[in-house]
C-alpha atoms as a PDB file:
ATOM      1  CA  UNK A   1      -0.136   0.159  -0.063  1.00  0.00           C
ATOM      2  CA  UNK A   2       1.302   3.399  -0.887  1.00  0.00           C
ATOM      3  CA  UNK A   3       1.948   5.661   1.889  1.00  0.00           C
ATOM      4  CA  UNK A   4      -0.559   8.582   2.845  1.00  0.00           C
ATOM      5  CA  UNK A   5       1.174  11.910   2.538  1.00  0.00           C
ATOM      6  CA  UNK A   6       1.951  14.030   5.571  1.00  0.00           C
ATOM      7  CA  UNK A   7       3.354  17.276   6.049  1.00  0.00           C
ATOM      8  CA  UNK A   8       6.528  15.757   7.657  1.00  0.00           C
ATOM      9  CA  UNK A   9       7.219  13.171   4.826  1.00  0.00           C
ATOM     10  CA  UNK A  10       6.842  15.370   1.845  1.00  0.00           C
ATOM     11  CA  UNK A  11      10.240  16.667   0.394  1.00  0.00           C
ATOM     12  CA  UNK A  12      11.301  19.093  -1.792  1.00  0.00           C
ATOM     13  CA  UNK A  13      11.922  16.830  -4.554  1.00  0.00           C
ATOM     14  CA  UNK A  14       7.988  15.490  -3.766  1.00  0.00           C
ATOM     15  CA  UNK A  15       6.851  18.872  -3.956  1.00  0.00           C
ATOM     16  CA  UNK A  16       8.350  19.985  -7.477  1.00  0.00           C
ATOM     17  CA  UNK A  17       7.259  16.579  -8.403  1.00  0.00           C
ATOM     18  CA  UNK A  18       3.525  17.250  -7.733  1.00  0.00           C
ATOM     19  CA  UNK A  19       4.001  20.989  -9.400  1.00  0.00           C
ATOM     20  CA  UNK A  20       5.530  19.837 -12.554  1.00  0.00           C
ATOM     21  CA  UNK A  21       2.617  17.183 -12.866  1.00  0.00           C
ATOM     22  CA  UNK A  22      -0.227  19.649 -12.119  1.00  0.00           C
ATOM     23  CA  UNK A  23       1.537  22.053 -14.783  1.00  0.00           C
ATOM     24  CA  UNK A  24       1.383  19.839 -17.651  1.00  0.00           C
ATOM     25  CA  UNK A  25      -2.408  19.051 -16.287  1.00  0.00           C
ATOM     26  CA  UNK A  26      -3.649  22.608 -15.612  1.00  0.00           C
ATOM     27  CA  UNK A  27      -2.024  23.849 -18.735  1.00  0.00           C
ATOM     28  CA  UNK A  28      -4.022  21.764 -21.061  1.00  0.00           C
ATOM     29  CA  UNK A  29      -6.924  22.908 -19.525  1.00  0.00           C
ATOM     30  CA  UNK A  30      -6.067  26.817 -19.024  1.00  0.00           C
ATOM     31  CA  UNK A  31      -5.699  26.521 -22.818  1.00  0.00           C
ATOM     32  CA  UNK A  32      -9.308  26.403 -23.578  1.00  0.00           C
ATOM     33  CA  UNK A  33     -10.901  28.814 -21.401  1.00  0.00           C
ATOM     34  CA  UNK A  34     -12.724  31.305 -23.000  1.00  0.00           C
ATOM     35  CA  UNK A  35     -12.586  35.155 -22.209  1.00  0.00           C
ATOM     36  CA  UNK A  36     -13.956  35.995 -18.716  1.00  0.00           C
ATOM     37  CA  UNK A  37     -15.415  32.213 -18.921  1.00  0.00           C
ATOM     38  CA  UNK A  38     -18.775  33.557 -20.090  1.00  0.00           C
ATOM     39  CA  UNK A  39     -18.962  32.135 -23.605  1.00  0.00           C
ATOM     40  CA  UNK A  40     -19.978  28.301 -23.104  1.00  0.00           C
ATOM     41  CA  UNK A  41     -19.398  25.413 -25.264  1.00  0.00           C
ATOM     42  CA  UNK A  42     -22.060  22.949 -24.944  1.00  0.00           C
ATOM     43  CA  UNK A  43     -21.164  19.682 -25.459  1.00  0.00           C
ATOM     44  CA  UNK A  44     -23.827  16.800 -24.825  1.00  0.00           C
ATOM     45  CA  UNK A  45     -21.655  14.285 -22.173  1.00  0.00           C
ATOM     46  CA  UNK A  46     -19.493  17.188 -21.421  1.00  0.00           C
ATOM     47  CA  UNK A  47     -18.318  18.444 -17.311  1.00  0.00           C
ATOM     48  CA  UNK A  48     -18.617  21.818 -16.397  1.00  0.00           C
ATOM     49  CA  UNK A  49     -16.807  23.837 -13.978  1.00  0.00           C
ATOM     50  CA  UNK A  50     -20.227  26.452 -13.167  1.00  0.00           C
ATOM     51  CA  UNK A  51     -19.680  29.349 -10.354  1.00  0.00           C
ATOM     52  CA  UNK A  52     -20.774  32.654  -9.647  1.00  0.00           C
ATOM     53  CA  UNK A  53     -20.767  34.914  -6.559  1.00  0.00           C
ATOM     54  CA  UNK A  54     -23.048  37.584  -5.012  1.00  0.00           C
ATOM     55  CA  UNK A  55     -23.695  41.116  -6.793  1.00  0.00           C
ATOM     56  CA  UNK A  56     -20.691  43.727  -6.152  1.00  0.00           C
ATOM     57  CA  UNK A  57     -19.076  40.696  -3.844  1.00  0.00           C
ATOM     58  CA  UNK A  58     -21.515  40.788  -1.332  1.00  0.00           C
ATOM     59  CA  UNK A  59     -22.790  37.771   0.993  1.00  0.00           C
ATOM     60  CA  UNK A  60     -25.511  35.556  -0.709  1.00  0.00           C
ATOM     61  CA  UNK A  61     -25.634  32.747   2.349  1.00  0.00           C
ATOM     62  CA  UNK A  62     -25.952  35.008   5.151  1.00  0.00           C
ATOM     63  CA  UNK A  63     -27.029  31.992   7.932  1.00  0.00           C
ATOM     64  CA  UNK A  64     -27.810  28.360   7.621  1.00  0.00           C
ATOM     65  CA  UNK A  65     -30.958  28.684   6.449  1.00  0.00           C
ATOM     66  CA  UNK A  66     -29.646  30.687   3.213  1.00  0.00           C
ATOM     67  CA  UNK A  67     -27.724  27.230   2.706  1.00  0.00           C
ATOM     68  CA  UNK A  68     -30.371  24.731   3.173  1.00  0.00           C
ATOM     69  CA  UNK A  69     -32.723  26.447   0.937  1.00  0.00           C
ATOM     70  CA  UNK A  70     -30.333  26.107  -2.320  1.00  0.00           C
ATOM     71  CA  UNK A  71     -29.406  23.188  -1.543  1.00  0.00           C
ATOM     72  CA  UNK A  72     -33.341  21.893  -1.335  1.00  0.00           C
ATOM     73  CA  UNK A  73     -33.522  23.840  -4.440  1.00  0.00           C
ATOM     74  CA  UNK A  74     -30.467  21.715  -5.910  1.00  0.00           C
ATOM     75  CA  UNK A  75     -32.527  18.563  -4.539  1.00  0.00           C
ATOM     76  CA  UNK A  76     -35.346  19.251  -6.420  1.00  0.00           C
ATOM     77  CA  UNK A  77     -34.572  19.616  -9.717  1.00  0.00           C
ATOM     78  CA  UNK A  78     -32.089  16.965  -9.543  1.00  0.00           C
ATOM     79  CA  UNK A  79     -33.632  13.873  -7.670  1.00  0.00           C
ATOM     80  CA  UNK A  80     -35.984  12.038  -9.841  1.00  0.00           C
ATOM     81  CA  UNK A  81     -39.440  13.390 -10.494  1.00  0.00           C
ATOM     82  CA  UNK A  82     -41.363  11.083  -8.736  1.00  0.00           C
ATOM     83  CA  UNK A  83     -39.669  12.208  -5.372  1.00  0.00           C
ATOM     84  CA  UNK A  84     -39.931  15.541  -5.580  1.00  0.00           C
ATOM     85  CA  UNK A  85     -43.369  16.613  -3.585  1.00  0.00           C
ATOM     86  CA  UNK A  86     -45.558  18.347  -6.169  1.00  0.00           C
ATOM     87  CA  UNK A  87     -46.653  21.711  -5.642  1.00  0.00           C
ATOM     88  CA  UNK A  88     -49.778  23.012  -4.018  1.00  0.00           C
ATOM     89  CA  UNK A  89     -52.725  23.655  -5.992  1.00  0.00           C
ATOM     90  CA  UNK A  90     -55.183  24.790  -3.528  1.00  0.00           C
ATOM     91  CA  UNK A  91     -54.868  28.205  -1.794  1.00  0.00           C
ATOM     92  CA  UNK A  92     -56.826  29.798   1.537  1.00  0.00           C
ATOM     93  CA  UNK A  93     -57.584  33.079   0.811  1.00  0.00           C
ATOM     94  CA  UNK A  94     -59.279  34.914   3.348  1.00  0.00           C
ATOM     95  CA  UNK A  95     -60.855  31.567   4.386  1.00  0.00           C
ATOM     96  CA  UNK A  96     -62.001  30.424   1.557  1.00  0.00           C
ATOM     97  CA  UNK A  97     -60.469  27.516  -0.558  1.00  0.00           C
ATOM     98  CA  UNK A  98     -59.622  27.955  -4.277  1.00  0.00           C
ATOM     99  CA  UNK A  99     -58.293  25.604  -6.372  1.00  0.00           C
ATOM    100  CA  UNK A 100     -55.562  26.669  -9.382  1.00  0.00           C
ATOM    101  CA  UNK A 101     -53.772  25.105 -11.691  1.00  0.00           C
ATOM    102  CA  UNK A 102     -51.405  22.033 -11.162  1.00  0.00           C
ATOM    103  CA  UNK A 103     -47.682  22.834 -12.305  1.00  0.00           C
ATOM    104  CA  UNK A 104     -44.893  20.634 -12.419  1.00  0.00           C
ATOM    105  CA  UNK A 105     -41.978  21.450 -10.747  1.00  0.00           C
ATOM    106  CA  UNK A 106     -38.908  21.584 -13.415  1.00  0.00           C
ATOM    107  CA  UNK A 107     -36.578  18.953 -13.394  1.00  0.00           C
ATOM    108  CA  UNK A 108     -33.173  17.921 -14.703  1.00  0.00           C
ATOM    109  CA  UNK A 109     -32.619  14.610 -13.192  1.00  0.00           C
ATOM    110  CA  UNK A 110     -31.430  12.194 -16.162  1.00  0.00           C
ATOM    111  CA  UNK A 111     -30.250  15.745 -17.687  1.00  0.00           C
ATOM    112  CA  UNK A 112     -28.111  16.931 -15.345  1.00  0.00           C
ATOM    113  CA  UNK A 113     -25.600  15.646 -12.792  1.00  0.00           C
ATOM    114  CA  UNK A 114     -23.842  17.271  -9.502  1.00  0.00           C
ATOM    115  CA  UNK A 115     -20.200  15.904  -9.163  1.00  0.00           C
ATOM    116  CA  UNK A 116     -18.949  18.202  -6.333  1.00  0.00           C
ATOM    117  CA  UNK A 117     -20.416  21.504  -4.874  1.00  0.00           C
ATOM    118  CA  UNK A 118     -19.430  23.809  -2.330  1.00  0.00           C
ATOM    119  CA  UNK A 119     -21.061  26.933  -1.015  1.00  0.00           C
ATOM    120  CA  UNK A 120     -18.998  30.097   0.147  1.00  0.00           C
ATOM    121  CA  UNK A 121     -20.443  33.017   2.032  1.00  0.00           C
ATOM    122  CA  UNK A 122     -20.526  34.686  -0.984  1.00  0.00           C
ATOM    123  CA  UNK A 123     -20.241  32.540  -3.941  1.00  0.00           C
ATOM    124  CA  UNK A 124     -20.621  28.938  -5.082  1.00  0.00           C
ATOM    125  CA  UNK A 125     -18.679  26.056  -7.107  1.00  0.00           C
ATOM    126  CA  UNK A 126     -20.969  23.584  -9.248  1.00  0.00           C
ATOM    127  CA  UNK A 127     -18.848  20.580 -11.314  1.00  0.00           C
ATOM    128  CA  UNK A 128     -21.462  19.129 -13.701  1.00  0.00           C
ATOM    129  CA  UNK A 129     -21.986  16.367 -16.088  1.00  0.00           C
ATOM    130  CA  UNK A 130     -24.772  17.021 -18.576  1.00  0.00           C
ATOM    131  CA  UNK A 131     -25.647  13.991 -20.545  1.00  0.00           C
ATOM    132  CA  UNK A 132     -28.100  16.007 -22.558  1.00  0.00           C
ATOM    133  CA  UNK A 133     -26.887  19.200 -24.750  1.00  0.00           C
ATOM    134  CA  UNK A 134     -27.072  22.802 -23.554  1.00  0.00           C
ATOM    135  CA  UNK A 135     -29.464  21.648 -20.350  1.00  0.00           C
ATOM    136  CA  UNK A 136     -27.264  23.654 -17.869  1.00  0.00           C
ATOM    137  CA  UNK A 137     -28.620  26.547 -19.278  1.00  0.00           C
ATOM    138  CA  UNK A 138     -31.457  26.136 -18.168  1.00  0.00           C
ATOM    139  CA  UNK A 139     -30.654  24.253 -14.983  1.00  0.00           C
ATOM    140  CA  UNK A 140     -28.810  27.234 -13.986  1.00  0.00           C
ATOM    141  CA  UNK A 141     -31.215  29.470 -14.681  1.00  0.00           C
ATOM    142  CA  UNK A 142     -34.223  27.334 -12.822  1.00  0.00           C
ATOM    143  CA  UNK A 143     -32.006  27.163  -9.682  1.00  0.00           C
ATOM    144  CA  UNK A 144     -30.483  30.918  -9.974  1.00  0.00           C
ATOM    145  CA  UNK A 145     -34.472  31.960 -10.039  1.00  0.00           C
ATOM    146  CA  UNK A 146     -35.493  30.243  -7.081  1.00  0.00           C
ATOM    147  CA  UNK A 147     -33.168  30.948  -4.715  1.00  0.00           C
ATOM    148  CA  UNK A 148     -32.662  34.962  -5.827  1.00  0.00           C
ATOM    149  CA  UNK A 149     -36.738  34.529  -5.166  1.00  0.00           C
ATOM    150  CA  UNK A 150     -36.024  33.239  -1.642  1.00  0.00           C
ATOM    151  CA  UNK A 151     -33.213  35.772  -1.410  1.00  0.00           C
ATOM    152  CA  UNK A 152     -35.120  39.162  -2.107  1.00  0.00           C
ATOM    153  CA  UNK A 153     -38.587  37.767  -0.238  1.00  0.00           C
ATOM    154  CA  UNK A 154     -36.278  37.364   2.756  1.00  0.00           C
ATOM    155  CA  UNK A 155     -34.312  40.291   2.590  1.00  0.00           C
ATOM    156  CA  UNK A 156     -37.509  42.903   1.298  1.00  0.00           C
ATOM    157  CA  UNK A 157     -35.385  43.693  -1.608  1.00  0.00           C
ATOM    158  CA  UNK A 158     -35.619  43.828  -4.970  1.00  0.00           C
ATOM    159  CA  UNK A 159     -32.787  43.251  -8.283  1.00  0.00           C
ATOM    160  CA  UNK A 160     -30.325  40.472  -9.169  1.00  0.00           C
ATOM    161  CA  UNK A 161     -28.574  38.587  -6.036  1.00  0.00           C
ATOM    162  CA  UNK A 162     -26.133  36.924  -8.464  1.00  0.00           C
ATOM    163  CA  UNK A 163     -23.384  39.459 -10.072  1.00  0.00           C
ATOM    164  CA  UNK A 164     -23.994  38.527 -13.789  1.00  0.00           C
ATOM    165  CA  UNK A 165     -24.509  35.310 -16.071  1.00  0.00           C
ATOM    166  CA  UNK A 166     -22.364  32.083 -14.182  1.00  0.00           C
ATOM    167  CA  UNK A 167     -19.454  30.942 -15.446  1.00  0.00           C
ATOM    168  CA  UNK A 168     -18.614  28.279 -17.253  1.00  0.00           C
ATOM    169  CA  UNK A 169     -15.803  26.055 -18.133  1.00  0.00           C
ATOM    170  CA  UNK A 170     -15.492  23.030 -20.045  1.00  0.00           C
ATOM    171  CA  UNK A 171     -13.679  20.533 -18.618  1.00  0.00           C
ATOM    172  CA  UNK A 172     -11.814  18.205 -21.329  1.00  0.00           C
ATOM    173  CA  UNK A 173      -9.104  16.307 -19.157  1.00  0.00           C
ATOM    174  CA  UNK A 174     -10.061  13.289 -17.325  1.00  0.00           C
ATOM    175  CA  UNK A 175      -7.114  13.779 -14.406  1.00  0.00           C
ATOM    176  CA  UNK A 176      -8.543  17.519 -14.024  1.00  0.00           C
ATOM    177  CA  UNK A 177     -11.638  16.254 -12.724  1.00  0.00           C
ATOM    178  CA  UNK A 178      -9.289  15.264  -9.754  1.00  0.00           C
ATOM    179  CA  UNK A 179      -7.495  18.477  -9.674  1.00  0.00           C
ATOM    180  CA  UNK A 180     -10.877  20.395 -10.082  1.00  0.00           C
ATOM    181  CA  UNK A 181     -12.602  18.496  -7.435  1.00  0.00           C
ATOM    182  CA  UNK A 182      -9.767  18.856  -4.721  1.00  0.00           C
ATOM    183  CA  UNK A 183      -9.788  23.319  -5.588  1.00  0.00           C
ATOM    184  CA  UNK A 184     -13.258  22.742  -4.774  1.00  0.00           C
ATOM    185  CA  UNK A 185     -13.508  20.646  -1.457  1.00  0.00           C
ATOM    186  CA  UNK A 186     -10.384  22.824  -0.435  1.00  0.00           C
ATOM    187  CA  UNK A 187     -12.280  26.193  -0.831  1.00  0.00           C
ATOM    188  CA  UNK A 188     -14.228  26.384   2.798  1.00  0.00           C
ATOM    189  CA  UNK A 189     -10.129  26.589   4.603  1.00  0.00           C
ATOM    190  CA  UNK A 190     -10.607  29.881   4.170  1.00  0.00           C
ATOM    191  CA  UNK A 191     -12.901  29.844   6.686  1.00  0.00           C
ATOM    192  CA  UNK A 192     -12.712  26.737   8.574  1.00  0.00           C
ATOM    193  CA  UNK A 193     -10.351  23.521   8.907  1.00  0.00           C
ATOM    194  CA  UNK A 194     -13.462  21.315   9.439  1.00  0.00           C
ATOM    195  CA  UNK A 195     -13.689  20.253   5.698  1.00  0.00           C
ATOM    196  CA  UNK A 196     -16.399  17.876   6.207  1.00  0.00           C
ATOM    197  CA  UNK A 197     -19.213  19.392   7.655  1.00  0.00           C
ATOM    198  CA  UNK A 198     -18.678  22.356   5.449  1.00  0.00           C
ATOM    199  CA  UNK A 199     -21.490  23.252   2.612  1.00  0.00           C
ATOM    200  CA  UNK A 200     -20.186  21.026   0.148  1.00  0.00           C
ATOM    201  CA  UNK A 201     -20.122  17.126  -1.065  1.00  0.00           C
ATOM    202  CA  UNK A 202     -16.669  16.656   0.672  1.00  0.00           C
ATOM    203  CA  UNK A 203     -18.681  14.364   3.109  1.00  0.00           C
ATOM    204  CA  UNK A 204     -19.892  12.226  -0.023  1.00  0.00           C
ATOM    205  CA  UNK A 205     -16.700  11.754  -1.235  1.00  0.00           C
ATOM    206  CA  UNK A 206     -15.363  10.338   1.969  1.00  0.00           C
ATOM    207  CA  UNK A 207     -18.566   8.077   2.532  1.00  0.00           C
ATOM    208  CA  UNK A 208     -19.838   9.992   6.017  1.00  0.00           C
ATOM    209  CA  UNK A 209     -23.013  10.353   3.810  1.00  0.00           C
ATOM    210  CA  UNK A 210     -24.973   9.565   0.696  1.00  0.00           C
ATOM    211  CA  UNK A 211     -26.824  11.532  -1.125  1.00  0.00           C
ATOM    212  CA  UNK A 212     -28.723  10.432  -4.100  1.00  0.00           C
ATOM    213  CA  UNK A 213     -28.446  13.940  -6.348  1.00  0.00           C
ATOM    214  CA  UNK A 214     -24.932  13.966  -5.667  1.00  0.00           C
ATOM    215  CA  UNK A 215     -22.937  11.457  -7.812  1.00  0.00           C
ATOM    216  CA  UNK A 216     -18.934  11.389  -6.233  1.00  0.00           C
ATOM    217  CA  UNK A 217     -18.663   8.072  -7.881  1.00  0.00           C
ATOM    218  CA  UNK A 218     -17.863   9.923 -11.356  1.00  0.00           C
ATOM    219  CA  UNK A 219     -15.057  11.376 -10.559  1.00  0.00           C
ATOM    220  CA  UNK A 220     -13.589   8.955  -7.682  1.00  0.00           C
ATOM    221  CA  UNK A 221     -13.560   6.156 -10.487  1.00  0.00           C
ATOM    222  CA  UNK A 222     -10.358   8.731 -12.042  1.00  0.00           C
ATOM    223  CA  UNK A 223      -8.834   7.650  -8.522  1.00  0.00           C
ATOM    224  CA  UNK A 224      -6.363   5.336  -9.805  1.00  0.00           C
ATOM    225  CA  UNK A 225      -3.358   5.753  -8.132  1.00  0.00           C
ATOM    226  CA  UNK A 226      -1.643   2.756 -10.397  1.00  0.00           C
ATOM    227  CA  UNK A 227      -2.699   4.528 -13.442  1.00  0.00           C
ATOM    228  CA  UNK A 228      -2.400   8.404 -12.845  1.00  0.00           C
ATOM    229  CA  UNK A 229       1.285   9.500 -11.735  1.00  0.00           C
ATOM    230  CA  UNK A 230       0.176  12.747  -9.381  1.00  0.00           C
ATOM    231  CA  UNK A 231      -1.359  10.190  -7.098  1.00  0.00           C
ATOM    232  CA  UNK A 232       1.445   7.509  -6.659  1.00  0.00           C
ATOM    233  CA  UNK A 233       2.324   9.218  -3.115  1.00  0.00           C
ATOM    234  CA  UNK A 234      -1.111   9.137  -1.749  1.00  0.00           C
ATOM    235  CA  UNK A 235      -4.042   6.268  -1.694  1.00  0.00           C
ATOM    236  CA  UNK A 236      -6.975   7.883  -1.069  1.00  0.00           C
ATOM    237  CA  UNK A 237      -9.088  10.589  -1.309  1.00  0.00           C
ATOM    238  CA  UNK A 238      -8.843  12.129   1.912  1.00  0.00           C
ATOM    239  CA  UNK A 239      -5.172  12.361   1.662  1.00  0.00           C
ATOM    240  CA  UNK A 240      -5.233  13.809  -1.872  1.00  0.00           C
ATOM    241  CA  UNK A 241      -7.270  16.607  -0.442  1.00  0.00           C
ATOM    242  CA  UNK A 242      -6.172  17.004   2.607  1.00  0.00           C
ATOM    243  CA  UNK A 243      -2.540  17.263   1.849  1.00  0.00           C
ATOM    244  CA  UNK A 244      -1.204  20.897   2.373  1.00  0.00           C
ATOM    245  CA  UNK A 245       1.600  22.395   1.232  1.00  0.00           C
ATOM    246  CA  UNK A 246       1.601  25.834   0.565  1.00  0.00           C
ATOM    247  CA  UNK A 247       3.633  26.522  -2.770  1.00  0.00           C
ATOM    248  CA  UNK A 248       1.876  23.511  -4.089  1.00  0.00           C
ATOM    249  CA  UNK A 249      -1.560  24.996  -3.412  1.00  0.00           C
ATOM    250  CA  UNK A 250      -0.450  28.746  -4.645  1.00  0.00           C
ATOM    251  CA  UNK A 251       0.438  27.541  -8.020  1.00  0.00           C
ATOM    252  CA  UNK A 252      -2.751  25.515  -8.352  1.00  0.00           C
ATOM    253  CA  UNK A 253      -4.580  28.514  -7.408  1.00  0.00           C
ATOM    254  CA  UNK A 254      -3.114  30.780  -9.666  1.00  0.00           C
ATOM    255  CA  UNK A 255      -3.424  28.444 -12.448  1.00  0.00           C
ATOM    256  CA  UNK A 256      -6.983  28.356 -11.730  1.00  0.00           C
ATOM    257  CA  UNK A 257      -8.111  31.565 -11.790  1.00  0.00           C
ATOM    258  CA  UNK A 258     -11.581  31.924 -12.262  1.00  0.00           C
ATOM    259  CA  UNK A 259     -11.802  35.572 -13.511  1.00  0.00           C
ATOM    260  CA  UNK A 260      -9.654  38.796 -13.902  1.00  0.00           C
ATOM    261  CA  UNK A 261     -10.405  39.469 -10.555  1.00  0.00           C
ATOM    262  CA  UNK A 262     -11.001  36.838  -7.296  1.00  0.00           C
ATOM    263  CA  UNK A 263     -14.414  35.952  -5.972  1.00  0.00           C
ATOM    264  CA  UNK A 264     -13.671  37.095  -2.713  1.00  0.00           C
END
């Protein structure tokens, strides 16, 4: 069994080796990044890194309720339709029961698969697989509208909640899915060392919980230390994510620049 990486065992030679491998993988990725990542190349069966932030970099998740509403919206959009509670079609107004038109909730089961997510106070990251071409646009519109309606009603405000249209990057290199999942799952380190309890899919990746509408198995299928050179010194996904080396992380973070200005 290969040894798990630790700060004590990580040598300068190994650090340089990791940076060399990361540089090789990330270079192939960044060459296909569109300007500002707004132009979206929709590919059937494609993988996409989706992200957005609050308008004027403002906080969009103020407390646990805000996080839960966003996650509930993801759940309703991604679960099989027969497992989603239907919208009510009867309403009570001044003691009178009125019958409205039954509407089906928008649903993207089979059209969108969520592989990785992380919610931060003023932005979010999603890693998505799109089996059906151009499903992402509709999915993100539904998700953004749902959360914006909740946010504006809760805070008695009007206007956009998010900075702009979401950004999307088509991920074409399989090894990069692992690099990207690590980057996303490490985002909460800016606020907490307790990654497994952050508002992210990391708990699903560690097997601490099972969530039907999150698909960690797709990324974890690529975690093959015998086939991917950059994994040769780690044998668990946990050690891959939680290994801490400032020089390596700075290199990867700079290579993953999401736009001209930082999200935070």
